[in-house]
PDB file of N, CA and C in Angstrom:
ATOM      1  N   MET A   1     -22.265 -80.025 -77.074  1.00  0.00           N
ATOM      2  CA  MET A   1     -22.545 -79.910 -75.652  1.00  0.00           C
ATOM      3  C   MET A   1     -23.838 -79.111 -75.454  1.00  0.00           C
ATOM      4  N   ARG A   2     -24.558 -79.469 -74.424  1.00  0.00           N
ATOM      5  CA  ARG A   2     -25.826 -78.783 -74.129  1.00  0.00           C
ATOM      6  C   ARG A   2     -25.595 -77.334 -73.715  1.00  0.00           C
ATOM      7  N   ARG A   3     -26.534 -76.501 -74.069  1.00  0.00           N
ATOM      8  CA  ARG A   3     -26.549 -75.110 -73.623  1.00  0.00           C
ATOM      9  C   ARG A   3     -27.153 -75.092 -72.224  1.00  0.00           C
ATOM     10  N   VAL A   4     -26.510 -74.404 -71.292  1.00  0.00           N
ATOM     11  CA  VAL A   4     -26.959 -74.361 -69.902  1.00  0.00           C
ATOM     12  C   VAL A   4     -27.593 -73.004 -69.615  1.00  0.00           C
ATOM     13  N   THR A   5     -28.783 -73.046 -69.007  1.00  0.00           N
ATOM     14  CA  THR A   5     -29.436 -71.826 -68.549  1.00  0.00           C
ATOM     15  C   THR A   5     -29.881 -72.015 -67.101  1.00  0.00           C
ATOM     16  N   PHE A   6     -30.120 -70.915 -66.432  1.00  0.00           N
ATOM     17  CA  PHE A   6     -30.590 -70.912 -65.057  1.00  0.00           C
ATOM     18  C   PHE A   6     -31.943 -70.218 -65.014  1.00  0.00           C
ATOM     19  N   THR A   7     -32.902 -70.827 -64.328  1.00  0.00           N
ATOM     20  CA  THR A   7     -34.188 -70.157 -64.166  1.00  0.00           C
ATOM     21  C   THR A   7     -33.978 -68.914 -63.300  1.00  0.00           C
ATOM     22  N   ASP A   8     -34.966 -68.038 -63.299  1.00  0.00           N
ATOM     23  CA  ASP A   8     -34.888 -66.860 -62.431  1.00  0.00           C
ATOM     24  C   ASP A   8     -34.738 -67.277 -60.973  1.00  0.00           C
ATOM     25  N   ARG A   9     -35.451 -68.325 -60.589  1.00  0.00           N
ATOM     26  CA  ARG A   9     -35.387 -68.797 -59.205  1.00  0.00           C
ATOM     27  C   ARG A   9     -34.004 -69.347 -58.883  1.00  0.00           C
ATOM     28  N   ALA A  10     -33.397 -70.083 -59.806  1.00  0.00           N
ATOM     29  CA  ALA A  10     -32.036 -70.601 -59.588  1.00  0.00           C
ATOM     30  C   ALA A  10     -31.040 -69.452 -59.493  1.00  0.00           C
ATOM     31  N   GLN A  11     -31.227 -68.440 -60.316  1.00  0.00           N
ATOM     32  CA  GLN A  11     -30.353 -67.267 -60.261  1.00  0.00           C
ATOM     33  C   GLN A  11     -30.491 -66.573 -58.901  1.00  0.00           C
ATOM     34  N   ALA A  12     -31.717 -66.475 -58.402  1.00  0.00           N
ATOM     35  CA  ALA A  12     -31.941 -65.893 -57.079  1.00  0.00           C
ATOM     36  C   ALA A  12     -31.293 -66.750 -55.988  1.00  0.00           C
ATOM     37  N   ASP A  13     -31.359 -68.075 -56.141  1.00  0.00           N
ATOM     38  CA  ASP A  13     -30.694 -68.974 -55.192  1.00  0.00           C
ATOM     39  C   ASP A  13     -29.190 -68.686 -55.154  1.00  0.00           C
ATOM     40  N   LEU A  14     -28.577 -68.530 -56.327  1.00  0.00           N
ATOM     41  CA  LEU A  14     -27.142 -68.251 -56.390  1.00  0.00           C
ATOM     42  C   LEU A  14     -26.809 -66.921 -55.717  1.00  0.00           C
ATOM     43  N   GLU A  15     -27.654 -65.931 -55.910  1.00  0.00           N
ATOM     44  CA  GLU A  15     -27.426 -64.635 -55.273  1.00  0.00           C
ATOM     45  C   GLU A  15     -27.525 -64.752 -53.753  1.00  0.00           C
ATOM     46  N   GLU A  16     -28.491 -65.530 -53.273  1.00  0.00           N
ATOM     47  CA  GLU A  16     -28.623 -65.742 -51.828  1.00  0.00           C
ATOM     48  C   GLU A  16     -27.409 -66.482 -51.272  1.00  0.00           C
ATOM     49  N   ILE A  17     -26.926 -67.482 -51.984  1.00  0.00           N
ATOM     50  CA  ILE A  17     -25.739 -68.220 -51.562  1.00  0.00           C
ATOM     51  C   ILE A  17     -24.539 -67.285 -51.516  1.00  0.00           C
ATOM     52  N   TRP A  18     -24.391 -66.486 -52.560  1.00  0.00           N
ATOM     53  CA  TRP A  18     -23.270 -65.540 -52.610  1.00  0.00           C
ATOM     54  C   TRP A  18     -23.333 -64.602 -51.403  1.00  0.00           C
ATOM     55  N   TRP A  19     -24.507 -64.040 -51.144  1.00  0.00           N
ATOM     56  CA  TRP A  19     -24.652 -63.086 -50.044  1.00  0.00           C
ATOM     57  C   TRP A  19     -24.307 -63.733 -48.701  1.00  0.00           C
ATOM     58  N   TYR A  20     -24.759 -64.948 -48.487  1.00  0.00           N
ATOM     59  CA  TYR A  20     -24.494 -65.650 -47.231  1.00  0.00           C
ATOM     60  C   TYR A  20     -22.986 -65.843 -47.030  1.00  0.00           C
ATOM     61  N   ILE A  21     -22.303 -66.320 -48.052  1.00  0.00           N
ATOM     62  CA  ILE A  21     -20.860 -66.562 -47.946  1.00  0.00           C
ATOM     63  C   ILE A  21     -20.096 -65.245 -47.867  1.00  0.00           C
ATOM     64  N   ALA A  22     -20.542 -64.245 -48.623  1.00  0.00           N
ATOM     65  CA  ALA A  22     -19.831 -62.966 -48.698  1.00  0.00           C
ATOM     66  C   ALA A  22     -19.829 -62.194 -47.379  1.00  0.00           C
ATOM     67  N   GLN A  23     -20.760 -62.498 -46.501  1.00  0.00           N
ATOM     68  CA  GLN A  23     -20.756 -61.829 -45.201  1.00  0.00           C
ATOM     69  C   GLN A  23     -19.454 -62.094 -44.453  1.00  0.00           C
ATOM     70  N   ASP A  24     -18.862 -63.268 -44.691  1.00  0.00           N
ATOM     71  CA  ASP A  24     -17.579 -63.610 -44.071  1.00  0.00           C
ATOM     72  C   ASP A  24     -16.398 -63.412 -45.016  1.00  0.00           C
ATOM     73  N   ASN A  25     -16.613 -63.691 -46.312  1.00  0.00           N
ATOM     74  CA  ASN A  25     -15.488 -63.678 -47.240  1.00  0.00           C
ATOM     75  C   ASN A  25     -15.984 -63.452 -48.675  1.00  0.00           C
ATOM     76  N   PRO A  26     -16.029 -62.200 -49.140  1.00  0.00           N
ATOM     77  CA  PRO A  26     -16.525 -61.922 -50.499  1.00  0.00           C
ATOM     78  C   PRO A  26     -15.741 -62.633 -51.605  1.00  0.00           C
ATOM     79  N   ASP A  27     -14.431 -62.764 -51.428  1.00  0.00           N
ATOM     80  CA  ASP A  27     -13.646 -63.462 -52.452  1.00  0.00           C
ATOM     81  C   ASP A  27     -14.032 -64.931 -52.534  1.00  0.00           C
ATOM     82  N   ARG A  28     -14.256 -65.549 -51.386  1.00  0.00           N
ATOM     83  CA  ARG A  28     -14.681 -66.957 -51.376  1.00  0.00           C
ATOM     84  C   ARG A  28     -16.064 -67.102 -51.988  1.00  0.00           C
ATOM     85  N   ALA A  29     -16.929 -66.130 -51.735  1.00  0.00           N
ATOM     86  CA  ALA A  29     -18.275 -66.164 -52.325  1.00  0.00           C
ATOM     87  C   ALA A  29     -18.181 -66.148 -53.853  1.00  0.00           C
ATOM     88  N   ASP A  30     -17.339 -65.271 -54.382  1.00  0.00           N
ATOM     89  CA  ASP A  30     -17.143 -65.221 -55.838  1.00  0.00           C
ATOM     90  C   ASP A  30     -16.628 -66.556 -56.363  1.00  0.00           C
ATOM     91  N   GLY A  31     -15.636 -67.110 -55.673  1.00  0.00           N
ATOM     92  CA  GLY A  31     -15.054 -68.373 -56.105  1.00  0.00           C
ATOM     93  C   GLY A  31     -16.035 -69.524 -56.054  1.00  0.00           C
ATOM     94  N   PHE A  32     -16.855 -69.554 -55.014  1.00  0.00           N
ATOM     95  CA  PHE A  32     -17.815 -70.649 -54.883  1.00  0.00           C
ATOM     96  C   PHE A  32     -18.866 -70.588 -55.981  1.00  0.00           C
ATOM     97  N   ILE A  33     -19.372 -69.409 -56.282  1.00  0.00           N
ATOM     98  CA  ILE A  33     -20.357 -69.273 -57.359  1.00  0.00           C
ATOM     99  C   ILE A  33     -19.728 -69.653 -58.693  1.00  0.00           C
ATOM    100  N   ASP A  34     -18.480 -69.281 -58.898  1.00  0.00           N
ATOM    101  CA  ASP A  34     -17.774 -69.696 -60.116  1.00  0.00           C
ATOM    102  C   ASP A  34     -17.664 -71.213 -60.193  1.00  0.00           C
ATOM    103  N   GLU A  35     -17.364 -71.863 -59.057  1.00  0.00           N
ATOM    104  CA  GLU A  35     -17.278 -73.325 -59.026  1.00  0.00           C
ATOM    105  C   GLU A  35     -18.616 -73.961 -59.396  1.00  0.00           C
ATOM    106  N   LEU A  36     -19.683 -73.475 -58.798  1.00  0.00           N
ATOM    107  CA  LEU A  36     -21.009 -74.014 -59.107  1.00  0.00           C
ATOM    108  C   LEU A  36     -21.341 -73.852 -60.588  1.00  0.00           C
ATOM    109  N   SER A  37     -21.040 -72.692 -61.133  1.00  0.00           N
ATOM    110  CA  SER A  37     -21.307 -72.449 -62.549  1.00  0.00           C
ATOM    111  C   SER A  37     -20.493 -73.384 -63.435  1.00  0.00           C
ATOM    112  N   THR A  38     -19.248 -73.610 -63.049  1.00  0.00           N
ATOM    113  CA  THR A  38     -18.385 -74.505 -63.825  1.00  0.00           C
ATOM    114  C   THR A  38     -18.917 -75.936 -63.795  1.00  0.00           C
ATOM    115  N   VAL A  39     -19.352 -76.391 -62.630  1.00  0.00           N
ATOM    116  CA  VAL A  39     -19.938 -77.736 -62.527  1.00  0.00           C
ATOM    117  C   VAL A  39     -21.121 -77.862 -63.479  1.00  0.00           C
ATOM    118  N   CYS A  40     -21.969 -76.835 -63.523  1.00  0.00           N
ATOM    119  CA  CYS A  40     -23.144 -76.880 -64.389  1.00  0.00           C
ATOM    120  C   CYS A  40     -22.755 -76.836 -65.861  1.00  0.00           C
ATOM    121  N   ARG A  41     -21.883 -75.943 -66.202  1.00  0.00           N
ATOM    122  CA  ARG A  41     -21.549 -75.725 -67.614  1.00  0.00           C
ATOM    123  C   ARG A  41     -20.655 -76.810 -68.199  1.00  0.00           C
ATOM    124  N   LEU A  42     -19.848 -77.438 -67.385  1.00  0.00           N
ATOM    125  CA  LEU A  42     -18.954 -78.473 -67.916  1.00  0.00           C
ATOM    126  C   LEU A  42     -19.449 -79.877 -67.587  1.00  0.00           C
ATOM    127  N   SER A  43     -19.516 -80.208 -66.318  1.00  0.00           N
ATOM    128  CA  SER A  43     -19.873 -81.574 -65.927  1.00  0.00           C
ATOM    129  C   SER A  43     -21.309 -81.920 -66.297  1.00  0.00           C
ATOM    130  N   LEU A  44     -22.256 -81.115 -65.846  1.00  0.00           N
ATOM    131  CA  LEU A  44     -23.662 -81.441 -66.116  1.00  0.00           C
ATOM    132  C   LEU A  44     -24.007 -81.341 -67.588  1.00  0.00           C
ATOM    133  N   ALA A  45     -23.489 -80.338 -68.258  1.00  0.00           N
ATOM    134  CA  ALA A  45     -23.820 -80.162 -69.676  1.00  0.00           C
ATOM    135  C   ALA A  45     -23.362 -81.354 -70.507  1.00  0.00           C
ATOM    136  N   SER A  46     -22.224 -81.933 -70.154  1.00  0.00           N
ATOM    137  CA  SER A  46     -21.717 -83.053 -70.945  1.00  0.00           C
ATOM    138  C   SER A  46     -22.179 -84.415 -70.421  1.00  0.00           C
ATOM    139  N   MET A  47     -22.478 -84.504 -69.114  1.00  0.00           N
ATOM    140  CA  MET A  47     -22.878 -85.785 -68.522  1.00  0.00           C
ATOM    141  C   MET A  47     -24.045 -85.578 -67.550  1.00  0.00           C
ATOM    142  N   PRO A  48     -25.202 -85.211 -68.026  1.00  0.00           N
ATOM    143  CA  PRO A  48     -26.301 -84.878 -67.113  1.00  0.00           C
ATOM    144  C   PRO A  48     -26.797 -86.051 -66.273  1.00  0.00           C
ATOM    145  N   THR A  49     -26.547 -87.262 -66.706  1.00  0.00           N
ATOM    146  CA  THR A  49     -27.024 -88.413 -65.932  1.00  0.00           C
ATOM    147  C   THR A  49     -26.091 -88.782 -64.780  1.00  0.00           C
ATOM    148  N   ILE A  50     -25.059 -87.959 -64.493  1.00  0.00           N
ATOM    149  CA  ILE A  50     -24.246 -88.209 -63.300  1.00  0.00           C
ATOM    150  C   ILE A  50     -25.055 -87.904 -62.041  1.00  0.00           C
ATOM    151  N   GLY A  51     -26.122 -87.131 -62.198  1.00  0.00           N
ATOM    152  CA  GLY A  51     -27.018 -86.870 -61.084  1.00  0.00           C
ATOM    153  C   GLY A  51     -27.997 -88.016 -60.915  1.00  0.00           C
ATOM    154  N   LYS A  52     -28.967 -87.809 -60.051  1.00  0.00           N
ATOM    155  CA  LYS A  52     -29.999 -88.826 -59.819  1.00  0.00           C
ATOM    156  C   LYS A  52     -31.368 -88.232 -60.110  1.00  0.00           C
ATOM    157  N   PRO A  53     -32.252 -89.022 -60.705  1.00  0.00           N
ATOM    158  CA  PRO A  53     -33.607 -88.524 -60.933  1.00  0.00           C
ATOM    159  C   PRO A  53     -34.318 -88.293 -59.604  1.00  0.00           C
ATOM    160  N   CYS A  54     -35.149 -87.277 -59.561  1.00  0.00           N
ATOM    161  CA  CYS A  54     -35.974 -87.034 -58.366  1.00  0.00           C
ATOM    162  C   CYS A  54     -37.371 -86.622 -58.819  1.00  0.00           C
ATOM    163  N   ASP A  55     -37.997 -87.550 -59.515  1.00  0.00           N
ATOM    164  CA  ASP A  55     -39.359 -87.334 -60.019  1.00  0.00           C
ATOM    165  C   ASP A  55     -40.371 -87.130 -58.906  1.00  0.00           C
ATOM    166  N   GLU A  56     -40.017 -87.495 -57.665  1.00  0.00           N
ATOM    167  CA  GLU A  56     -40.945 -87.292 -56.565  1.00  0.00           C
ATOM    168  C   GLU A  56     -41.184 -85.803 -56.287  1.00  0.00           C
ATOM    169  N   LEU A  57     -40.256 -84.960 -56.739  1.00  0.00           N
ATOM    170  CA  LEU A  57     -40.427 -83.509 -56.570  1.00  0.00           C
ATOM    171  C   LEU A  57     -41.114 -82.876 -57.772  1.00  0.00           C
ATOM    172  N   LEU A  58     -40.620 -83.176 -58.951  1.00  0.00           N
ATOM    173  CA  LEU A  58     -41.191 -82.689 -60.220  1.00  0.00           C
ATOM    174  C   LEU A  58     -40.867 -83.708 -61.309  1.00  0.00           C
ATOM    175  N   PRO A  59     -41.747 -83.854 -62.293  1.00  0.00           N
ATOM    176  CA  PRO A  59     -41.441 -84.777 -63.396  1.00  0.00           C
ATOM    177  C   PRO A  59     -40.164 -84.358 -64.130  1.00  0.00           C
ATOM    178  N   ASN A  60     -39.361 -85.336 -64.471  1.00  0.00           N
ATOM    179  CA  ASN A  60     -38.129 -85.142 -65.242  1.00  0.00           C
ATOM    180  C   ASN A  60     -37.094 -84.285 -64.532  1.00  0.00           C
ATOM    181  N   LEU A  61     -37.159 -84.195 -63.217  1.00  0.00           N
ATOM    182  CA  LEU A  61     -36.201 -83.407 -62.451  1.00  0.00           C
ATOM    183  C   LEU A  61     -35.055 -84.309 -61.999  1.00  0.00           C
ATOM    184  N   TRP A  62     -33.846 -83.778 -62.052  1.00  0.00           N
ATOM    185  CA  TRP A  62     -32.653 -84.482 -61.598  1.00  0.00           C
ATOM    186  C   TRP A  62     -31.968 -83.627 -60.552  1.00  0.00           C
ATOM    187  N   ARG A  63     -31.106 -84.272 -59.739  1.00  0.00           N
ATOM    188  CA  ARG A  63     -30.338 -83.511 -58.756  1.00  0.00           C
ATOM    189  C   ARG A  63     -28.908 -84.038 -58.705  1.00  0.00           C
ATOM    190  N   LEU A  64     -28.020 -83.114 -58.418  1.00  0.00           N
ATOM    191  CA  LEU A  64     -26.611 -83.456 -58.246  1.00  0.00           C
ATOM    192  C   LEU A  64     -26.106 -82.741 -57.006  1.00  0.00           C
ATOM    193  N   PRO A  65     -25.549 -83.475 -56.041  1.00  0.00           N
ATOM    194  CA  PRO A  65     -24.964 -82.801 -54.882  1.00  0.00           C
ATOM    195  C   PRO A  65     -23.630 -82.161 -55.253  1.00  0.00           C
ATOM    196  N   TYR A  66     -23.412 -80.986 -54.724  1.00  0.00           N
ATOM    197  CA  TYR A  66     -22.116 -80.325 -54.849  1.00  0.00           C
ATOM    198  C   TYR A  66     -21.809 -79.669 -53.510  1.00  0.00           C
ATOM    199  N   ARG A  67     -20.840 -80.199 -52.826  1.00  0.00           N
ATOM    200  CA  ARG A  67     -20.510 -79.786 -51.460  1.00  0.00           C
ATOM    201  C   ARG A  67     -21.766 -79.882 -50.612  1.00  0.00           C
ATOM    202  N   SER A  68     -22.205 -78.820 -49.978  1.00  0.00           N
ATOM    203  CA  SER A  68     -23.403 -78.875 -49.128  1.00  0.00           C
ATOM    204  C   SER A  68     -24.678 -78.543 -49.890  1.00  0.00           C
ATOM    205  N   TYR A  69     -24.581 -78.349 -51.191  1.00  0.00           N
ATOM    206  CA  TYR A  69     -25.712 -77.893 -51.992  1.00  0.00           C
ATOM    207  C   TYR A  69     -26.215 -78.978 -52.928  1.00  0.00           C
ATOM    208  N   LEU A  70     -27.435 -78.796 -53.374  1.00  0.00           N
ATOM    209  CA  LEU A  70     -28.040 -79.683 -54.365  1.00  0.00           C
ATOM    210  C   LEU A  70     -28.418 -78.851 -55.574  1.00  0.00           C
ATOM    211  N   LEU A  71     -27.957 -79.283 -56.732  1.00  0.00           N
ATOM    212  CA  LEU A  71     -28.322 -78.651 -57.997  1.00  0.00           C
ATOM    213  C   LEU A  71     -29.494 -79.434 -58.574  1.00  0.00           C
ATOM    214  N   PHE A  72     -30.606 -78.763 -58.820  1.00  0.00           N
ATOM    215  CA  PHE A  72     -31.787 -79.390 -59.413  1.00  0.00           C
ATOM    216  C   PHE A  72     -31.900 -78.916 -60.848  1.00  0.00           C
ATOM    217  N   TYR A  73     -32.105 -79.853 -61.767  1.00  0.00           N
ATOM    218  CA  TYR A  73     -32.075 -79.488 -63.182  1.00  0.00           C
ATOM    219  C   TYR A  73     -32.916 -80.437 -64.024  1.00  0.00           C
ATOM    220  N   ARG A  74     -33.186 -79.971 -65.234  1.00  0.00           N
ATOM    221  CA  ARG A  74     -33.824 -80.777 -66.285  1.00  0.00           C
ATOM    222  C   ARG A  74     -32.953 -80.657 -67.528  1.00  0.00           C
ATOM    223  N   PHE A  75     -33.036 -81.665 -68.380  1.00  0.00           N
ATOM    224  CA  PHE A  75     -32.207 -81.605 -69.580  1.00  0.00           C
ATOM    225  C   PHE A  75     -32.860 -82.328 -70.747  1.00  0.00           C
ATOM    226  N   GLY A  76     -32.421 -81.931 -71.921  1.00  0.00           N
ATOM    227  CA  GLY A  76     -32.770 -82.584 -73.167  1.00  0.00           C
ATOM    228  C   GLY A  76     -31.502 -82.761 -73.976  1.00  0.00           C
ATOM    229  N   SER A  77     -31.641 -83.082 -75.232  1.00  0.00           N
ATOM    230  CA  SER A  77     -30.459 -83.341 -76.054  1.00  0.00           C
ATOM    231  C   SER A  77     -29.639 -82.086 -76.334  1.00  0.00           C
ATOM    232  N   GLU A  78     -30.282 -80.921 -76.315  1.00  0.00           N
ATOM    233  CA  GLU A  78     -29.591 -79.669 -76.657  1.00  0.00           C
ATOM    234  C   GLU A  78     -29.461 -78.689 -75.496  1.00  0.00           C
ATOM    235  N   HIS A  79     -30.153 -78.939 -74.419  1.00  0.00           N
ATOM    236  CA  HIS A  79     -30.303 -77.910 -73.393  1.00  0.00           C
ATOM    237  C   HIS A  79     -30.314 -78.522 -72.001  1.00  0.00           C
ATOM    238  N   LEU A  80     -29.757 -77.801 -71.024  1.00  0.00           N
ATOM    239  CA  LEU A  80     -29.848 -78.162 -69.621  1.00  0.00           C
ATOM    240  C   LEU A  80     -30.293 -76.911 -68.867  1.00  0.00           C
ATOM    241  N   GLU A  81     -31.354 -77.054 -68.078  1.00  0.00           N
ATOM    242  CA  GLU A  81     -31.884 -75.921 -67.323  1.00  0.00           C
ATOM    243  C   GLU A  81     -31.745 -76.195 -65.835  1.00  0.00           C
ATOM    244  N   VAL A  82     -31.017 -75.334 -65.147  1.00  0.00           N
ATOM    245  CA  VAL A  82     -30.885 -75.430 -63.698  1.00  0.00           C
ATOM    246  C   VAL A  82     -32.133 -74.780 -63.097  1.00  0.00           C
ATOM    247  N   ILE A  83     -32.873 -75.568 -62.326  1.00  0.00           N
ATOM    248  CA  ILE A  83     -34.147 -75.129 -61.761  1.00  0.00           C
ATOM    249  C   ILE A  83     -33.950 -74.445 -60.411  1.00  0.00           C
ATOM    250  N   ARG A  84     -33.167 -75.077 -59.529  1.00  0.00           N
ATOM    251  CA  ARG A  84     -32.903 -74.535 -58.188  1.00  0.00           C
ATOM    252  C   ARG A  84     -31.499 -74.943 -57.760  1.00  0.00           C
ATOM    253  N   VAL A  85     -30.915 -74.174 -56.844  1.00  0.00           N
ATOM    254  CA  VAL A  85     -29.660 -74.510 -56.182  1.00  0.00           C
ATOM    255  C   VAL A  85     -29.915 -74.294 -54.700  1.00  0.00           C
ATOM    256  N   LEU A  86     -29.990 -75.394 -53.933  1.00  0.00           N
ATOM    257  CA  LEU A  86     -30.432 -75.315 -52.544  1.00  0.00           C
ATOM    258  C   LEU A  86     -29.456 -76.004 -51.603  1.00  0.00           C
ATOM    259  N   HIS A  87     -29.331 -75.463 -50.417  1.00  0.00           N
ATOM    260  CA  HIS A  87     -28.517 -76.106 -49.390  1.00  0.00           C
ATOM    261  C   HIS A  87     -29.204 -77.416 -48.999  1.00  0.00           C
ATOM    262  N   GLY A  88     -28.423 -78.455 -48.825  1.00  0.00           N
ATOM    263  CA  GLY A  88     -28.972 -79.773 -48.521  1.00  0.00           C
ATOM    264  C   GLY A  88     -29.701 -79.869 -47.197  1.00  0.00           C
ATOM    265  N   ALA A  89     -29.469 -78.936 -46.279  1.00  0.00           N
ATOM    266  CA  ALA A  89     -30.132 -78.977 -44.980  1.00  0.00           C
ATOM    267  C   ALA A  89     -31.526 -78.351 -45.006  1.00  0.00           C
ATOM    268  N   ARG A  90     -31.907 -77.757 -46.110  1.00  0.00           N
ATOM    269  CA  ARG A  90     -33.220 -77.118 -46.194  1.00  0.00           C
ATOM    270  C   ARG A  90     -34.319 -78.164 -46.386  1.00  0.00           C
ATOM    271  N   GLN A  91     -35.540 -77.764 -46.126  1.00  0.00           N
ATOM    272  CA  GLN A  91     -36.704 -78.629 -46.334  1.00  0.00           C
ATOM    273  C   GLN A  91     -37.022 -78.625 -47.837  1.00  0.00           C
ATOM    274  N   ILE A  92     -36.328 -79.442 -48.580  1.00  0.00           N
ATOM    275  CA  ILE A  92     -36.384 -79.437 -50.044  1.00  0.00           C
ATOM    276  C   ILE A  92     -37.811 -79.638 -50.557  1.00  0.00           C
ATOM    277  N   GLU A  93     -38.516 -80.610 -50.012  1.00  0.00           N
ATOM    278  CA  GLU A  93     -39.860 -80.926 -50.517  1.00  0.00           C
ATOM    279  C   GLU A  93     -40.785 -79.714 -50.451  1.00  0.00           C
ATOM    280  N   THR A  94     -40.706 -78.955 -49.367  1.00  0.00           N
ATOM    281  CA  THR A  94     -41.607 -77.800 -49.239  1.00  0.00           C
ATOM    282  C   THR A  94     -41.267 -76.705 -50.233  1.00  0.00           C
ATOM    283  N   LEU A  95     -40.025 -76.625 -50.669  1.00  0.00           N
ATOM    284  CA  LEU A  95     -39.613 -75.601 -51.631  1.00  0.00           C
ATOM    285  C   LEU A  95     -40.102 -75.907 -53.040  1.00  0.00           C
ATOM    286  N   PHE A  96     -40.505 -77.153 -53.281  1.00  0.00           N
ATOM    287  CA  PHE A  96     -41.020 -77.526 -54.596  1.00  0.00           C
ATOM    288  C   PHE A  96     -42.540 -77.680 -54.614  1.00  0.00           C
ATOM    289  N   GLU A  97     -43.198 -77.457 -53.498  1.00  0.00           N
ATOM    290  CA  GLU A  97     -44.653 -77.641 -53.437  1.00  0.00           C
ATOM    291  C   GLU A  97     -45.416 -76.720 -54.386  1.00  0.00           C
ATOM    292  N   ASP A  98     -44.965 -75.500 -54.567  1.00  0.00           N
ATOM    293  CA  ASP A  98     -45.664 -74.539 -55.416  1.00  0.00           C
ATOM    294  C   ASP A  98     -45.147 -74.523 -56.853  1.00  0.00           C
ATOM    295  N   ALA A  99     -44.207 -75.398 -57.160  1.00  0.00           N
ATOM    296  CA  ALA A  99     -43.595 -75.396 -58.499  1.00  0.00           C
ATOM    297  C   ALA A  99     -44.524 -75.999 -59.537  1.00  0.00           C
TER     298      ALA A  99
END
């Protein structure tokens, strides 16, 4: 199975998501971040092509929707790197302009 890592920016995205949810329910925030991590470490690591390519944002970039969020990642035979975790309502294209 591929080794999964998160970029610094993806880690910051997760922290922002946690903080947003935790304002109402810290336990739910913990659970949601755990769910996202599990999706990445189990589903994506073993079946990365369940997502869709989105080369229009960055070369070799893929995305997978999870609830209201989009997981953006790249992968090879041994490794999967989560690039960003963004809410689907955000202006996604502008967030990748400086990448």
